[in-house]
Protein backbone atom coordinates (compact mmCIF):
# COMPACT_ATOMS: atom_id res chain seq x y z
CA MET A 1 35.41 107.93 98.96
CA TYR A 2 32.76 109.82 97.14
CA LEU A 3 34.45 110.09 93.45
CA THR A 4 34.75 106.23 92.13
CA LYS A 5 36.82 105.37 89.30
CA GLU A 6 33.47 104.36 87.21
CA LYS A 7 32.10 107.72 88.09
CA LYS A 8 35.09 109.60 86.67
CA GLU A 9 34.61 107.46 83.62
CA LYS A 10 31.16 108.35 83.59
CA ILE A 11 31.61 111.73 84.20
CA PHE A 12 34.79 111.82 80.56
CA LYS A 13 32.70 109.64 78.58
CA GLU A 14 29.88 111.53 78.52
CA HIS A 15 31.43 115.49 78.77
CA GLY A 16 34.83 114.37 76.86
CA GLY A 17 33.63 111.96 74.09
CA SER A 18 35.52 108.44 76.00
CA LYS A 19 36.41 107.67 79.23
CA LYS A 20 39.95 107.70 78.30
CA ASN A 21 39.38 111.44 76.98
CA THR A 22 40.17 112.58 80.91
CA GLY A 23 42.39 115.98 78.83
CA SER A 24 39.44 117.46 77.25
CA ALA A 25 38.38 121.23 78.91
CA GLU A 26 34.67 119.79 78.65
CA GLY A 27 36.07 117.28 81.02
CA GLN A 28 37.82 118.15 83.41
CA ILE A 29 35.16 121.13 84.14
CA ALA A 30 32.63 118.85 84.59
CA LEU A 31 34.91 117.15 87.17
CA PHE A 32 35.77 119.97 89.24
CA THR A 33 31.89 120.97 88.82
CA GLU A 34 31.11 117.76 90.71
CA ARG A 35 33.72 118.00 93.14
CA ILE A 36 33.13 121.53 93.62
CA ASN A 37 29.27 120.09 94.01
CA HIS A 38 30.73 117.99 97.03
CA LEU A 39 32.09 120.48 98.80
CA THR A 40 29.53 122.79 99.03
CA ASN A 41 26.76 120.77 100.22
CA HIS A 42 29.89 119.09 102.86
CA LEU A 43 30.45 122.80 103.55
CA LYS A 44 26.72 122.89 104.36
CA LYS A 45 27.38 120.91 106.99
CA ASN A 46 30.94 121.79 108.50
CA ARG A 47 30.81 125.41 108.63
CA LYS A 48 33.87 125.87 110.22
CA ASP A 49 35.71 123.85 107.71
CA PHE A 50 38.52 126.49 106.98
CA ASN A 51 40.75 124.04 105.04
CA THR A 52 37.72 122.66 102.83
CA GLU A 53 36.32 126.60 102.10
CA ARG A 54 40.29 127.66 100.70
CA SER A 55 40.39 124.35 99.03
CA LEU A 56 36.79 124.75 97.10
CA VAL A 57 37.77 128.36 96.26
CA MET A 58 40.92 127.69 94.28
CA MET A 59 39.30 124.75 92.58
CA VAL A 60 35.75 127.65 91.61
CA GLY A 61 39.91 129.16 90.15
CA LYS A 62 40.58 126.54 88.11
CA ARG A 63 37.89 125.70 86.54
CA LYS A 64 36.84 129.60 86.03
CA SER A 65 40.57 129.16 84.08
CA LEU A 66 39.18 126.58 82.38
CA LEU A 67 35.99 128.16 81.30
CA ASN A 68 37.83 130.85 80.24
CA TYR A 69 40.01 129.62 78.10
CA LEU A 70 37.46 126.94 76.30
CA MET A 71 35.57 130.62 75.77
CA ASN A 72 38.44 132.24 73.61
CA LYS A 73 39.22 128.83 72.12
CA ASP A 74 36.02 128.07 71.37
CA ILE A 75 33.41 129.89 72.30
CA SER A 76 30.33 127.13 70.13
CA ARG A 77 32.17 124.84 73.04
CA TYR A 78 31.89 126.30 76.28
CA ARG A 79 28.35 127.92 75.25
CA ASP A 80 27.44 124.22 75.48
CA ILE A 81 29.64 122.89 78.73
CA ILE A 82 27.92 125.97 80.20
CA LYS A 83 23.74 124.31 79.13
CA LYS A 84 25.12 120.94 80.06
CA LEU A 85 26.33 122.17 83.59
CA LYS A 86 23.60 124.81 84.50
CA LEU A 87 26.98 127.11 85.08
CA ARG A 88 25.86 130.50 84.80
CA LYS A 89 28.60 132.81 83.64
């Protein structure tokens, strides 16, 4: 699988504070971004994979709702995560 346990722990440690803090909004946004990038590359090769396209759209929606939550909760954390992950909004 493309996303191993060690890679997930690294993402959560880098963005969530610790590798056990899997519930932080920043960690979840970073994980969704990693998965979205992987699915985007997959869809560039397999254009007719409509199930993957649907799950990609759903993941983007989940990430957007988490970003909106973080923006309403704490704008400085929101700006930091946008800058770290190089997301535009």
